[in-house]
Amino acid sequence: MALSYKSRKRLSLLILVAGVPLYIIAAVSLIALFERPSFLIELLVYIGLGVVWAFPLKFIFKGIGQPDPNAVGKE
């Protein structure tokens, strides 16, 4: 099922406003469960987790910054 441009735009906004802060809290909580690792390992974990969330959601964000391709004559 393909999402329309408008629904992808709304979903991407919801993900950025609510999902990413929740993901950040979850990542920090995950690190807090273990004894704090060295700075470099902790940095690598945060960078890895910062990149991992975007791959499954790539199709939602793709083309959102462009004008609506289905809107004819609207600008």
Protein backbone atom coordinates (compact mmCIF):
# COMPACT_ATOMS: atom_id res chain seq x y z
CA MET A 1 0.00 0.00 0.00
CA ALA A 2 1.54 3.27 -1.12
CA LEU A 3 1.14 6.35 1.05
CA SER A 4 0.04 9.59 -0.54
CA TYR A 5 2.33 12.60 -0.48
CA LYS A 6 0.15 14.35 2.09
CA SER A 7 0.06 11.37 4.45
CA ARG A 8 3.84 10.84 4.11
CA LYS A 9 4.37 14.51 4.94
CA ARG A 10 2.18 14.27 8.05
CA LEU A 11 3.76 10.98 9.11
CA SER A 12 7.27 12.39 8.69
CA LEU A 13 6.37 15.38 10.85
CA LEU A 14 4.98 13.07 13.53
CA ILE A 15 8.13 10.95 13.42
CA LEU A 16 10.40 13.99 13.74
CA VAL A 17 8.40 15.68 16.50
CA ALA A 18 7.46 12.67 18.62
CA GLY A 19 9.37 9.61 17.40
CA VAL A 20 12.92 10.90 17.37
CA PRO A 21 12.82 12.31 20.93
CA LEU A 22 11.36 9.01 22.16
CA TYR A 23 14.09 7.15 20.26
CA ILE A 24 16.74 9.36 21.89
CA ILE A 25 15.32 8.64 25.35
CA ALA A 26 15.31 4.91 24.57
CA ALA A 27 18.93 5.03 23.34
CA VAL A 28 20.13 6.87 26.46
CA SER A 29 18.18 4.46 28.66
CA LEU A 30 19.77 1.52 26.86
CA ILE A 31 23.26 2.84 27.56
CA ALA A 32 22.28 3.57 31.18
CA LEU A 33 21.43 -0.11 31.74
CA PHE A 34 25.08 -1.05 31.44
CA GLU A 35 28.10 0.27 33.24
CA ARG A 36 29.13 3.39 31.36
CA PRO A 37 31.60 2.40 28.62
CA SER A 38 34.56 4.48 27.52
CA PHE A 39 33.84 7.71 25.68
CA LEU A 40 34.76 6.34 22.24
CA ILE A 41 32.59 3.25 22.56
CA GLU A 42 29.68 5.32 23.84
CA LEU A 43 30.13 7.77 20.95
CA LEU A 44 30.15 4.92 18.41
CA VAL A 45 26.98 3.45 19.92
CA TYR A 46 25.19 6.81 19.74
CA ILE A 47 26.35 7.42 16.17
CA GLY A 48 25.26 3.92 15.18
CA LEU A 49 21.85 4.31 16.81
CA GLY A 50 21.53 7.76 15.24
CA VAL A 51 21.93 6.28 11.78
CA VAL A 52 19.97 3.06 12.29
CA TRP A 53 16.58 4.72 12.86
CA ALA A 54 16.61 6.40 9.46
CA PHE A 55 16.99 3.31 7.25
CA PRO A 56 13.57 1.73 7.89
CA LEU A 57 11.90 5.15 7.55
CA LYS A 58 13.73 6.22 4.41
CA PHE A 59 10.70 5.69 2.15
CA ILE A 60 8.62 8.10 4.26
CA PHE A 61 11.13 10.96 4.10
CA LYS A 62 12.05 10.51 0.44
CA GLY A 63 10.84 13.50 -1.61
CA ILE A 64 9.11 15.32 1.25
CA GLY A 65 11.07 18.53 0.62
CA GLN A 66 9.86 18.65 -2.98
CA PRO A 67 6.55 20.09 -4.16
CA ASP A 68 3.60 17.69 -4.31
CA PRO A 69 4.04 15.73 -7.56
CA ASN A 70 0.27 15.15 -7.84
CA ALA A 71 -0.70 18.82 -7.49
CA VAL A 72 -1.38 20.21 -10.94
CA GLY A 73 -1.24 23.97 -11.31
CA LYS A 74 -0.77 24.63 -7.59
CA GLU A 75 2.35 26.38 -6.44
